[in-house]
Amino acid sequence: MSASQSYNPLSVLLHWFTVLWFCIMWPAGVLISQWNSAPDFVYDLHVTVGVCGAAIILFRVFNRVGRGFAAANPDHATWERHLARTVQWIFLVALTIAIATGLLKAFMGGGSQYFLWGSELPRLGRLGDLSDLVDIIHRSCSFVLFLAVILHIAGALKHSLLQKDGTLMRILKPGSPGK
């Protein structure tokens, strides 16, 4: 695997931070949306992890757009390379919109929002009539992100277990300089 096909240590760290962030945010968000009386802890966890992680995730998005993606493996089929790149762009766009709408809901939404340690988030205004639209966009982007994660994991498993072509090592073993 050449350096141009690998990711640098910062990109690998940001990738795995995003994985951890998503593994907390997605289940908490699903619980909130499906359980009318979800415990306050679930709301507070979702808000805390969302707000605190937003800056790092957005840095990752802008870093990736600025640096570009690692080169696709030329041995992969054209459709695989196009699908992989499409899923990567879906990640970036869905993450950005989900975070932006989540922050709008947290700082400008209807009720009070709290961090896990009990501090209330400041109100920066009110969404008013846009509240329902922002909620729909947030939920839709979260669902699209979930589908992209499923495709991403399926692709990783395909390359790791069936083709055994070393693709998974791109994100497990950083290269230097890499993307």
Foldseek 3Di string as FASTA:
>chain_A
DDQLQFAAPVLLVLVVLVVVLLVLQLVLVVCVVPPVCPPLLSQQSNLQSLVVCVVSNLVSLVVCVVVDARDDDPVDDPVVVVLVVVLVVLLSVLSVLLSVLSVCCQQANDDWGAHNVGDTHHHPYHPPPCRVVSVVSNVVSSVSNVVSVVVVVVVLCCCVPPVVPCSVVSSVPGDPPHD
